[in-house]
Protein backbone atom coordinates (compact mmCIF):
# COMPACT_ATOMS: atom_id res chain seq x y z
CA MET A 1 12.27 -31.68 17.49
CA LYS A 2 13.74 -33.78 19.61
CA ARG A 3 17.38 -34.98 20.56
CA GLY A 4 18.73 -37.12 16.82
CA ASP A 5 16.53 -36.12 14.79
CA ILE A 6 17.89 -35.48 11.45
CA VAL A 7 17.21 -31.74 10.27
CA LEU A 8 17.48 -31.77 6.37
CA ILE A 9 18.10 -27.95 5.24
CA LYS A 10 17.80 -25.45 1.91
CA ASN A 11 18.94 -22.52 1.56
CA ARG A 12 17.09 -20.49 -1.11
CA PHE A 13 19.58 -17.48 -1.51
CA ASP A 14 22.90 -19.00 -1.96
CA ILE A 15 24.78 -19.59 -4.70
CA VAL A 16 26.98 -22.13 -3.05
CA GLY A 17 23.81 -24.05 -1.82
CA TRP A 18 22.56 -24.16 -5.05
CA PHE A 19 25.26 -25.25 -7.05
CA ILE A 20 25.60 -27.73 -5.22
CA ARG A 21 22.14 -29.13 -4.96
CA ARG A 22 22.55 -29.26 -9.35
CA LEU A 23 25.38 -31.03 -8.76
CA LEU A 24 24.59 -33.49 -6.92
CA TRP A 25 20.07 -33.46 -8.31
CA ILE A 26 19.41 -32.30 -4.71
CA LYS A 27 16.70 -31.10 -2.78
CA TYR A 28 18.16 -30.39 0.33
CA ASN A 29 21.98 -28.89 0.46
CA HIS A 30 22.70 -28.75 3.69
CA VAL A 31 22.24 -31.26 7.15
CA GLY A 32 22.21 -31.02 10.65
CA TRP A 33 21.47 -33.15 13.28
CA ALA A 34 19.44 -32.47 16.41
CA ILE A 35 21.12 -31.54 19.92
CA ASN A 36 18.45 -31.10 22.18
CA SER A 37 15.36 -28.80 20.52
CA LYS A 38 17.33 -26.21 20.55
CA GLN A 39 20.37 -26.46 19.40
CA ILE A 40 22.34 -28.80 16.03
CA ILE A 41 25.23 -29.73 15.37
CA GLU A 42 26.52 -28.91 12.07
CA CYS A 43 29.83 -29.58 9.38
CA ARG A 44 29.83 -26.06 7.01
CA SER A 45 31.90 -25.38 4.42
CA THR A 46 33.70 -23.43 6.69
CA GLY A 47 34.13 -26.16 10.16
CA ILE A 48 31.91 -28.14 12.37
CA TYR A 49 29.86 -25.83 14.23
CA ILE A 50 26.72 -26.51 17.05
CA ASN A 51 24.19 -23.41 16.51
CA HIS A 52 20.67 -22.28 17.71
CA ILE A 53 17.78 -24.07 15.02
CA LYS A 54 16.21 -20.17 15.02
CA LYS A 55 18.82 -19.90 12.55
CA TYR A 56 17.06 -22.12 10.05
CA GLN A 57 13.38 -20.68 11.12
CA ASN A 58 13.43 -18.10 8.59
CA PHE A 59 11.82 -17.15 4.81
CA CYS A 60 15.50 -17.85 3.35
CA TYR A 61 15.40 -21.83 4.60
CA LYS A 62 13.22 -24.10 3.75
CA ILE A 63 13.44 -27.34 6.35
CA LYS A 64 12.01 -30.48 6.34
CA VAL A 65 12.52 -33.04 10.15
CA LEU A 66 13.26 -35.85 9.65
CA ARG A 67 12.68 -38.58 13.17
CA ILE A 68 15.43 -42.22 13.20
CA GLN A 69 13.03 -44.92 13.63
CA ASP A 70 13.62 -48.67 15.27
CA ILE A 71 17.11 -47.27 17.05
CA ASN A 72 19.15 -48.04 20.65
CA LYS A 73 18.07 -45.27 22.22
CA GLU A 74 21.41 -45.63 23.91
CA LYS A 75 23.29 -46.31 20.37
CA LEU A 76 21.38 -42.79 18.92
CA ASP A 77 22.60 -40.73 21.50
CA LEU A 78 26.45 -42.75 21.97
CA ALA A 79 27.19 -41.54 18.34
CA LEU A 80 25.78 -37.80 18.73
CA ARG A 81 27.47 -36.88 21.78
CA TYR A 82 30.77 -38.78 19.85
CA ALA A 83 30.28 -36.15 17.03
CA SER A 84 29.52 -33.40 19.88
CA VAL A 85 32.72 -33.41 20.99
CA ILE A 86 35.08 -32.97 17.00
CA GLN A 87 35.58 -29.21 16.49
CA LYS A 88 37.56 -28.76 13.51
CA LYS A 89 37.57 -25.83 11.01
CA TYR A 90 37.89 -26.65 6.64
CA GLU A 91 38.81 -23.53 4.68
CA TYR A 92 35.99 -22.57 2.44
CA LEU A 93 36.21 -23.99 -0.71
CA SER A 94 37.54 -27.34 0.40
CA SER A 95 33.76 -28.64 0.36
CA ILE A 96 33.50 -27.70 -3.15
CA LYS A 97 36.28 -29.41 -4.23
CA THR A 98 35.23 -32.45 -1.92
CA TYR A 99 31.10 -32.72 -3.52
CA ILE A 100 32.71 -32.77 -7.08
CA ARG A 101 35.01 -35.39 -5.57
CA ILE A 102 31.98 -37.41 -4.44
CA LEU A 103 31.07 -36.27 -7.69
CA PHE A 104 33.24 -38.55 -9.42
CA ASN A 105 33.71 -41.17 -6.36
CA ASP A 106 37.34 -39.96 -5.45
CA PRO A 107 38.97 -41.08 -2.15
CA ILE A 108 37.25 -37.63 -0.05
CA HIS A 109 39.57 -36.44 2.96
CA ARG A 110 36.73 -34.35 4.93
CA PHE A 111 33.82 -34.62 6.27
CA THR A 112 29.92 -33.23 4.44
CA CYS A 113 27.27 -32.43 6.31
CA SER A 114 25.54 -35.50 5.46
CA GLY A 115 28.38 -37.77 5.80
CA PHE A 116 29.17 -35.89 9.71
CA ILE A 117 25.77 -38.07 10.83
CA ALA A 118 25.97 -41.02 8.54
CA TYR A 119 29.86 -41.54 10.09
CA PHE A 120 28.54 -41.19 13.37
CA LEU A 121 25.93 -43.11 12.74
CA SER A 122 27.01 -45.97 11.23
CA GLU A 123 29.74 -46.40 14.26
CA GLN A 124 26.84 -47.45 16.26
CA GLY A 125 25.66 -50.02 13.28
CA PHE A 126 22.89 -47.69 11.54
CA TYR A 127 23.50 -46.74 7.75
CA PHE A 128 21.08 -44.57 6.40
CA ASN A 129 21.81 -47.01 2.86
CA LYS A 130 24.10 -50.03 3.45
CA ASN A 131 25.45 -49.71 -0.42
CA LYS A 132 27.16 -47.34 0.35
CA HIS A 133 30.22 -45.57 2.51
CA PRO A 134 29.05 -43.04 5.51
CA LEU A 135 31.46 -40.70 3.81
CA TYR A 136 29.38 -40.45 0.99
CA ILE A 137 25.96 -39.72 1.67
CA THR A 138 24.07 -37.11 0.06
CA PRO A 139 21.72 -35.68 1.94
CA ARG A 140 18.87 -37.56 -0.82
CA ASP A 141 19.95 -40.69 0.67
CA ILE A 142 19.13 -38.97 3.66
CA GLU A 143 15.80 -37.96 2.81
CA LYS A 144 14.83 -40.56 0.59
CA CYS A 145 16.35 -43.45 3.90
CA LYS A 146 13.60 -45.46 4.55
CA TYR A 147 14.21 -46.11 8.42
CA LEU A 148 13.30 -42.60 8.31
CA GLU A 149 9.96 -40.83 9.50
CA GLU A 150 8.92 -36.69 7.90
CA VAL A 151 7.75 -35.00 11.53
CA ASN A 152 7.33 -31.25 10.98
CA ASN A 153 3.99 -31.42 11.64
CA GLU A 154 4.75 -32.25 15.55
């Protein structure tokens, strides 16, 4: 894993994760963004945090690491630096309300894990899906983006 890589995460034993996967018809229910080879920044149901990747390297999780192709390294670094200074706390149930709003195309009032990454990359001119507002990007949009390459086997 390198700085700027996208980490798709599936929690195999989490009822909220299961609910999100079923509601949005996605394989992975969470996304993190690599700050370096050991840490990711992630927007969770309770806020935005920097965590060690080892948290997800066990039998409870399935992860897929994707690398953005054809992006200016300075712009990628700038997007990561801006995202890294954000510290927010959220009410736990607000994430479920947010996913329901996304499902019905209602305005959302907080970041989702994938929308958080998409927002900061869009500020630097990179889009996972140009036909969708960055805040409404889902893990499926990230997984299917043609500008990403799987690098799990590196």
